[in-house]
Amino acid sequence: MHNKSFSMIFAAMGIVLNLVLGTMVSMAKIPFLFLDTIGTIFVAATLGPVYGMFTGGLTNVIQGLLTNPKDIPFALVNIAIGLIVGIAAKKGEFGFKKSIFVGIILSVVAPLIGTPIAVWIYGGLTGGGQDIIFAWLLKSGQSIFTAAFIPRISSNFIDKIGSCILVAFLITRIPYDMKKKLGIR
């Protein structure tokens, strides 16, 4: 069993990691990449689904309060990511093979949850680089859902698989004494 205080601090660091990396990528305008869920994935893979969901949900609420209120409804996506990764990691080590498999699942689940939010609340436009592809697809005759879903799933395949692989690599680099405090192998 892991130490609750240490775990809460670790989850808070996951939130900071999400905010910092997500903001840096957004400011750099790197296409098809967000890196705003690496902290969620890392916490969920090491501490389980409850801490992962907590990290994911609070990330979006804090980001929404600090910079962009549009991020708050997407907390549901980040909570689902924490749940899925946490459950997958409970079944054993979060190694490279599992990280790719989980990344593929997240690449589909995240836009399945995020697209209806983007469409119902914001009309499909969320102020990101995906809006250009969305507008083009919508103008070409696609339904609003399809026009919003296609750019999201495309970018998520790059972002979520890459994020999961990066987390699997980071986990291999955690010192033994910290792994022991976290209760991981």
Protein backbone atom coordinates (compact mmCIF):
# COMPACT_ATOMS: atom_id res chain seq x y z
CA MET A 1 0.00 0.00 0.00
CA HIS A 2 1.26 3.48 -0.79
CA ASN A 3 1.54 6.46 1.51
CA LYS A 4 -1.51 8.74 1.02
CA SER A 5 0.34 12.02 1.60
CA PHE A 6 3.07 11.04 -0.83
CA SER A 7 0.43 9.94 -3.34
CA MET A 8 -1.45 13.25 -3.08
CA ILE A 9 1.80 15.16 -3.68
CA PHE A 10 2.55 12.87 -6.63
CA ALA A 11 -0.95 13.53 -8.06
CA ALA A 12 -0.44 17.29 -7.62
CA MET A 13 2.81 16.98 -9.55
CA GLY A 14 0.85 15.17 -12.27
CA ILE A 15 -1.53 18.13 -12.49
CA VAL A 16 1.42 20.51 -12.81
CA LEU A 17 2.95 18.28 -15.49
CA ASN A 18 -0.33 18.35 -17.47
CA LEU A 19 -0.63 22.13 -17.17
CA VAL A 20 3.00 22.93 -18.03
CA LEU A 21 3.38 20.52 -20.96
CA GLY A 22 -0.09 21.28 -22.32
CA THR A 23 0.58 25.02 -22.17
CA MET A 24 4.03 24.70 -23.76
CA VAL A 25 2.70 22.63 -26.67
CA SER A 26 -0.25 24.97 -27.12
CA MET A 27 2.00 28.03 -27.15
CA ALA A 28 4.40 26.35 -29.59
CA LYS A 29 1.39 25.48 -31.79
CA ILE A 30 2.67 21.96 -32.42
CA PRO A 31 0.08 20.22 -34.61
CA PHE A 32 -1.47 16.88 -33.58
CA LEU A 33 0.11 17.07 -30.12
CA PHE A 34 -1.32 18.17 -26.78
CA LEU A 35 0.74 16.47 -24.01
CA ASP A 36 -1.88 17.75 -21.57
CA THR A 37 -2.64 14.27 -20.21
CA ILE A 38 0.87 12.93 -19.53
CA GLY A 39 0.52 13.70 -15.82
CA THR A 40 -2.86 11.94 -15.72
CA ILE A 41 -1.44 8.89 -17.50
CA PHE A 42 1.65 8.85 -15.27
CA VAL A 43 -0.34 9.11 -12.03
CA ALA A 44 -2.94 6.56 -13.16
CA ALA A 45 -0.25 4.10 -14.28
CA THR A 46 1.58 4.36 -10.96
CA LEU A 47 -1.18 4.97 -8.39
CA GLY A 48 -4.30 3.58 -10.05
CA PRO A 49 -7.59 4.84 -11.41
CA VAL A 50 -8.82 6.92 -8.46
CA TYR A 51 -5.70 9.11 -8.34
CA GLY A 52 -5.61 9.20 -12.15
CA MET A 53 -9.21 10.41 -12.35
CA PHE A 54 -8.56 12.97 -9.61
CA THR A 55 -5.48 14.25 -11.47
CA GLY A 56 -7.28 14.41 -14.80
CA GLY A 57 -10.41 16.12 -13.56
CA LEU A 58 -8.62 18.71 -11.46
CA THR A 59 -6.25 19.52 -14.32
CA ASN A 60 -9.10 20.70 -16.53
CA VAL A 61 -10.84 22.59 -13.74
CA ILE A 62 -7.62 24.41 -12.79
CA GLN A 63 -6.72 25.09 -16.44
CA GLY A 64 -10.22 26.41 -17.00
CA LEU A 65 -10.03 28.73 -14.01
CA LEU A 66 -6.53 29.97 -14.89
CA THR A 67 -6.68 30.45 -18.64
CA ASN A 68 -9.62 29.10 -20.61
CA PRO A 69 -13.04 28.16 -19.20
CA LYS A 70 -13.62 26.07 -22.36
CA ASP A 71 -11.29 23.43 -20.85
CA ILE A 72 -13.58 22.64 -17.91
CA PRO A 73 -16.19 20.46 -19.72
CA PHE A 74 -13.35 18.41 -21.22
CA ALA A 75 -12.51 17.25 -17.67
CA LEU A 76 -14.71 14.25 -18.53
CA VAL A 77 -12.15 13.21 -21.16
CA ASN A 78 -9.25 13.49 -18.72
CA ILE A 79 -11.19 11.60 -16.01
CA ALA A 80 -11.87 8.77 -18.48
CA ILE A 81 -8.17 8.68 -19.37
CA GLY A 82 -7.27 8.31 -15.67
CA LEU A 83 -9.83 5.53 -15.28
CA ILE A 84 -8.74 3.56 -18.36
CA VAL A 85 -5.01 3.81 -17.70
CA GLY A 86 -5.47 3.07 -13.99
CA ILE A 87 -7.48 -0.08 -14.70
CA ALA A 88 -5.02 -1.24 -17.37
CA ALA A 89 -2.04 -0.64 -15.08
CA LYS A 90 -3.67 -2.56 -12.20
CA LYS A 91 -3.50 -5.67 -14.35
CA GLY A 92 0.30 -5.54 -14.24
CA GLU A 93 3.26 -3.48 -15.29
CA PHE A 94 2.70 -0.49 -17.60
CA GLY A 95 5.39 -1.49 -20.09
CA PHE A 96 5.90 -0.51 -23.69
CA LYS A 97 3.52 -3.10 -25.23
CA LYS A 98 0.74 -2.24 -22.80
CA SER A 99 1.38 1.49 -23.28
CA ILE A 100 0.87 1.20 -27.05
CA PHE A 101 -2.33 -0.82 -26.57
CA VAL A 102 -3.68 1.63 -23.97
CA GLY A 103 -2.65 4.56 -26.18
CA ILE A 104 -4.71 3.14 -29.04
CA ILE A 105 -7.73 2.74 -26.75
CA LEU A 106 -7.34 6.31 -25.48
CA SER A 107 -6.98 7.56 -29.07
CA VAL A 108 -10.51 6.36 -29.76
CA VAL A 109 -12.19 6.91 -26.38
CA ALA A 110 -10.95 10.49 -25.86
CA PRO A 111 -12.46 11.85 -29.10
CA LEU A 112 -15.63 9.79 -28.59
CA ILE A 113 -16.15 11.71 -25.33
CA GLY A 114 -14.63 15.04 -26.43
CA THR A 115 -16.37 15.39 -29.78
CA PRO A 116 -19.94 15.56 -28.39
CA ILE A 117 -18.73 18.12 -25.83
CA ALA A 118 -17.12 20.21 -28.58
CA VAL A 119 -20.21 19.96 -30.78
CA TRP A 120 -22.97 20.42 -28.18
CA ILE A 121 -21.33 23.14 -26.11
CA TYR A 122 -19.14 24.96 -28.63
CA GLY A 123 -20.63 24.12 -32.03
CA GLY A 124 -17.50 22.13 -32.90
CA LEU A 125 -15.07 25.06 -32.60
CA THR A 126 -12.78 25.02 -29.57
CA GLY A 127 -10.10 27.53 -30.54
CA GLY A 128 -7.41 25.00 -31.42
CA GLY A 129 -5.58 24.03 -34.56
CA GLN A 130 -8.21 21.37 -35.23
CA ASP A 131 -10.71 24.12 -36.04
CA ILE A 132 -9.20 24.61 -39.51
CA ILE A 133 -9.71 20.95 -40.43
CA PHE A 134 -13.16 21.03 -38.81
CA ALA A 135 -14.21 24.04 -40.92
CA TRP A 136 -12.85 22.46 -44.10
CA LEU A 137 -14.65 19.16 -43.45
CA LEU A 138 -17.88 20.95 -42.54
CA LYS A 139 -17.68 23.06 -45.72
CA SER A 140 -17.05 19.90 -47.77
CA GLY A 141 -20.42 18.52 -46.66
CA GLN A 142 -19.53 16.40 -43.64
CA SER A 143 -21.89 16.34 -40.66
CA ILE A 144 -20.87 18.51 -37.72
CA PHE A 145 -20.05 15.42 -35.63
CA THR A 146 -17.88 13.87 -38.36
CA ALA A 147 -16.15 17.21 -39.05
CA ALA A 148 -15.34 17.53 -35.33
CA PHE A 149 -14.43 13.85 -34.80
CA ILE A 150 -11.96 13.27 -37.67
CA PRO A 151 -9.35 15.87 -36.62
CA ARG A 152 -9.68 14.80 -32.98
CA ILE A 153 -9.13 11.10 -33.59
CA SER A 154 -6.26 11.83 -35.99
CA SER A 155 -4.38 13.97 -33.50
CA ASN A 156 -5.18 11.64 -30.61
CA PHE A 157 -3.45 8.71 -32.32
CA ILE A 158 -0.24 10.72 -32.26
CA ASP A 159 -0.73 12.36 -28.87
CA LYS A 160 -2.15 9.52 -26.74
CA ILE A 161 0.07 6.72 -28.06
CA GLY A 162 3.12 8.97 -27.77
CA SER A 163 2.12 10.09 -24.26
CA CYS A 164 1.61 6.49 -23.09
CA ILE A 165 4.98 5.38 -24.51
CA LEU A 166 6.69 8.35 -22.82
CA VAL A 167 5.06 7.44 -19.50
CA ALA A 168 6.15 3.80 -19.84
CA PHE A 169 9.69 5.04 -20.39
CA LEU A 170 9.49 7.39 -17.37
CA ILE A 171 8.23 4.58 -15.15
CA THR A 172 11.34 2.53 -15.98
CA ARG A 173 13.40 5.47 -14.71
CA ILE A 174 11.69 5.87 -11.32
CA PRO A 175 14.20 5.09 -8.54
CA TYR A 176 13.53 1.92 -6.55
CA ASP A 177 12.85 3.75 -3.25
CA MET A 178 10.22 5.96 -4.92
CA LYS A 179 8.61 2.91 -6.57
CA LYS A 180 8.41 1.36 -3.12
CA LYS A 181 6.66 4.49 -1.72
CA LEU A 182 4.25 4.44 -4.66
CA GLY A 183 3.62 0.72 -4.24
CA ILE A 184 4.62 -0.17 -7.81
CA ARG A 185 6.95 -2.79 -9.23
